[in-house]
Amino acid sequence: MSEAPRYDVVRNDEEQYSLWEAGRELPAGWHREGTSGTREECVAHIDRVWTDIRPRSVRTRQQTARA
């Protein structure tokens, strides 16, 4: 029986999250967030921390418009 693949939680500059297979080179603009594990563990982590799925630039623009 083979071992389940490991994943890293990654985040881009717009604070959007995704999974990336551990050990693979990341595409430009993405950074390892520091969490790794099984797919299920990583998805659970993303569900906990990514509560506002709007890109950072949209959140900032909307906050500025309200001020």
N, C-alpha and C. Protein backbone atom coordinates (compact mmCIF):
# COMPACT_ATOMS: atom_id res chain seq x y z
N MET A 1 0.86 -1.18 0.00
CA MET A 1 0.00 0.00 0.00
C MET A 1 0.90 1.24 0.00
N SER A 2 0.62 2.17 -0.89
CA SER A 2 1.45 3.37 -0.98
C SER A 2 0.98 4.42 0.01
N GLU A 3 1.91 5.26 0.37
CA GLU A 3 1.63 6.34 1.31
C GLU A 3 0.84 7.45 0.61
N ALA A 4 -0.10 8.06 1.34
CA ALA A 4 -0.91 9.14 0.77
C ALA A 4 0.00 10.32 0.42
N PRO A 5 -0.29 11.00 -0.68
CA PRO A 5 0.52 12.17 -1.04
C PRO A 5 0.43 13.26 0.02
N ARG A 6 1.49 14.04 0.15
CA ARG A 6 1.54 15.16 1.09
C ARG A 6 1.34 16.45 0.30
N TYR A 7 0.71 17.40 0.95
CA TYR A 7 0.42 18.68 0.32
C TYR A 7 0.89 19.82 1.22
N ASP A 8 1.14 20.95 0.60
CA ASP A 8 1.43 22.20 1.30
C ASP A 8 0.27 23.15 1.05
N VAL A 9 -0.07 23.94 2.06
CA VAL A 9 -1.03 25.02 1.87
C VAL A 9 -0.22 26.20 1.34
N VAL A 10 -0.69 26.77 0.25
CA VAL A 10 0.00 27.90 -0.37
C VAL A 10 -0.95 29.10 -0.45
N ARG A 11 -0.36 30.28 -0.49
CA ARG A 11 -1.15 31.52 -0.54
C ARG A 11 -0.47 32.48 -1.50
N ASN A 12 -1.28 33.22 -2.24
CA ASN A 12 -0.70 34.20 -3.17
C ASN A 12 -0.75 35.60 -2.55
N ASP A 13 -0.27 36.58 -3.28
CA ASP A 13 -0.20 37.94 -2.75
C ASP A 13 -1.58 38.56 -2.54
N GLU A 14 -2.60 37.98 -3.14
CA GLU A 14 -3.98 38.45 -2.94
C GLU A 14 -4.64 37.72 -1.76
N GLU A 15 -3.83 36.93 -1.02
CA GLU A 15 -4.28 36.17 0.14
C GLU A 15 -5.34 35.13 -0.21
N GLN A 16 -5.19 34.52 -1.38
CA GLN A 16 -6.03 33.41 -1.80
C GLN A 16 -5.25 32.13 -1.52
N TYR A 17 -5.93 31.11 -1.06
CA TYR A 17 -5.29 29.86 -0.64
C TYR A 17 -5.52 28.76 -1.66
N SER A 18 -4.59 27.79 -1.65
CA SER A 18 -4.72 26.60 -2.49
C SER A 18 -3.85 25.50 -1.90
N LEU A 19 -3.93 24.32 -2.50
CA LEU A 19 -3.08 23.20 -2.15
C LEU A 19 -2.05 23.00 -3.24
N TRP A 20 -0.88 22.53 -2.84
CA TRP A 20 0.15 22.23 -3.82
C TRP A 20 0.87 20.98 -3.34
N GLU A 21 1.14 20.08 -4.24
CA GLU A 21 1.82 18.85 -3.86
C GLU A 21 3.18 19.19 -3.23
N ALA A 22 3.44 18.62 -2.07
CA ALA A 22 4.68 18.91 -1.34
C ALA A 22 5.89 18.57 -2.20
N GLY A 23 6.90 19.42 -2.12
CA GLY A 23 8.14 19.18 -2.83
C GLY A 23 8.17 19.72 -4.25
N ARG A 24 7.03 20.12 -4.78
CA ARG A 24 7.02 20.67 -6.14
C ARG A 24 7.31 22.16 -6.10
N GLU A 25 7.93 22.65 -7.14
CA GLU A 25 8.21 24.08 -7.25
C GLU A 25 6.89 24.83 -7.40
N LEU A 26 6.79 25.95 -6.72
CA LEU A 26 5.56 26.75 -6.77
C LEU A 26 5.55 27.65 -7.99
N PRO A 27 4.37 27.92 -8.52
CA PRO A 27 4.29 28.90 -9.61
C PRO A 27 4.57 30.31 -9.08
N ALA A 28 4.94 31.19 -9.96
CA ALA A 28 5.23 32.57 -9.57
C ALA A 28 4.04 33.18 -8.83
N GLY A 29 4.34 33.91 -7.78
CA GLY A 29 3.30 34.61 -7.02
C GLY A 29 2.69 33.80 -5.89
N TRP A 30 3.07 32.56 -5.73
CA TRP A 30 2.55 31.71 -4.66
C TRP A 30 3.65 31.41 -3.66
N HIS A 31 3.26 31.30 -2.37
CA HIS A 31 4.22 31.09 -1.29
C HIS A 31 3.66 30.03 -0.34
N ARG A 32 4.55 29.21 0.20
CA ARG A 32 4.11 28.23 1.19
C ARG A 32 3.67 28.97 2.45
N GLU A 33 2.52 28.60 2.97
CA GLU A 33 1.93 29.26 4.12
C GLU A 33 2.46 28.68 5.43
N GLY A 34 2.98 27.45 5.38
CA GLY A 34 3.57 26.84 6.57
C GLY A 34 2.84 25.60 7.06
N THR A 35 1.71 25.28 6.47
CA THR A 35 0.95 24.10 6.86
C THR A 35 1.13 23.03 5.79
N SER A 36 1.35 21.80 6.22
CA SER A 36 1.43 20.68 5.28
C SER A 36 0.78 19.47 5.91
N GLY A 37 0.39 18.52 5.07
CA GLY A 37 -0.24 17.31 5.56
C GLY A 37 -0.97 16.60 4.45
N THR A 38 -1.93 15.79 4.83
CA THR A 38 -2.75 15.13 3.82
C THR A 38 -3.65 16.15 3.17
N ARG A 39 -4.25 15.77 2.08
CA ARG A 39 -5.19 16.67 1.40
C ARG A 39 -6.29 17.11 2.36
N GLU A 40 -6.84 16.16 3.10
CA GLU A 40 -7.94 16.46 4.02
C GLU A 40 -7.51 17.42 5.13
N GLU A 41 -6.30 17.22 5.67
CA GLU A 41 -5.79 18.12 6.71
C GLU A 41 -5.61 19.53 6.17
N CYS A 42 -5.06 19.64 4.97
CA CYS A 42 -4.83 20.96 4.37
C CYS A 42 -6.13 21.66 4.03
N VAL A 43 -7.09 20.93 3.49
CA VAL A 43 -8.39 21.53 3.18
C VAL A 43 -9.07 22.01 4.47
N ALA A 44 -8.99 21.22 5.53
CA ALA A 44 -9.58 21.62 6.81
C ALA A 44 -8.92 22.90 7.33
N HIS A 45 -7.61 23.01 7.18
CA HIS A 45 -6.91 24.22 7.61
C HIS A 45 -7.36 25.43 6.80
N ILE A 46 -7.44 25.27 5.49
CA ILE A 46 -7.89 26.37 4.64
C ILE A 46 -9.31 26.79 5.02
N ASP A 47 -10.18 25.83 5.27
CA ASP A 47 -11.55 26.16 5.69
C ASP A 47 -11.57 26.99 6.97
N ARG A 48 -10.62 26.73 7.88
CA ARG A 48 -10.56 27.48 9.15
C ARG A 48 -10.04 28.89 8.96
N VAL A 49 -9.02 29.06 8.11
CA VAL A 49 -8.34 30.36 8.04
C VAL A 49 -8.80 31.28 6.91
N TRP A 50 -9.38 30.73 5.86
CA TRP A 50 -9.77 31.55 4.71
C TRP A 50 -11.25 31.82 4.80
N THR A 51 -11.62 32.75 5.66
CA THR A 51 -13.03 33.02 5.94
C THR A 51 -13.61 34.09 5.03
N ASP A 52 -12.79 34.88 4.40
CA ASP A 52 -13.25 35.91 3.46
C ASP A 52 -12.54 35.66 2.14
N ILE A 53 -13.26 35.09 1.18
CA ILE A 53 -12.60 34.64 -0.05
C ILE A 53 -12.38 35.76 -1.07
N ARG A 54 -12.78 36.98 -0.73
CA ARG A 54 -12.49 38.09 -1.65
C ARG A 54 -10.99 38.33 -1.71
N PRO A 55 -10.45 38.61 -2.89
CA PRO A 55 -9.02 38.95 -2.98
C PRO A 55 -8.71 40.18 -2.12
N ARG A 56 -7.49 40.25 -1.63
CA ARG A 56 -7.08 41.36 -0.75
C ARG A 56 -7.31 42.72 -1.40
N SER A 57 -7.03 42.84 -2.70
CA SER A 57 -7.22 44.14 -3.36
C SER A 57 -8.68 44.56 -3.36
N VAL A 58 -9.59 43.62 -3.49
CA VAL A 58 -11.03 43.95 -3.46
C VAL A 58 -11.42 44.38 -2.04
N ARG A 59 -10.97 43.65 -1.02
CA ARG A 59 -11.29 44.02 0.37
C ARG A 59 -10.78 45.41 0.69
N THR A 60 -9.54 45.70 0.27
CA THR A 60 -8.94 47.01 0.53
C THR A 60 -9.73 48.12 -0.17
N ARG A 61 -10.08 47.89 -1.42
CA ARG A 61 -10.83 48.88 -2.19
C ARG A 61 -12.18 49.14 -1.55
N GLN A 62 -12.86 48.11 -1.10
CA GLN A 62 -14.18 48.27 -0.48
C GLN A 62 -14.07 48.97 0.87
N GLN A 63 -13.02 48.67 1.64
CA GLN A 63 -12.83 49.36 2.92
C GLN A 63 -12.53 50.84 2.71
N THR A 64 -11.74 51.16 1.69
CA THR A 64 -11.42 52.55 1.37
C THR A 64 -12.66 53.31 0.93
N ALA A 65 -13.51 52.66 0.16
CA ALA A 65 -14.73 53.30 -0.33
C ALA A 65 -15.68 53.62 0.81
N ARG A 66 -15.68 52.82 1.87
CA ARG A 66 -16.57 53.06 3.02
C ARG A 66 -16.04 54.15 3.95
N ALA A 67 -14.75 54.40 3.91
CA ALA A 67 -14.14 55.36 4.85
C ALA A 67 -14.41 56.79 4.47
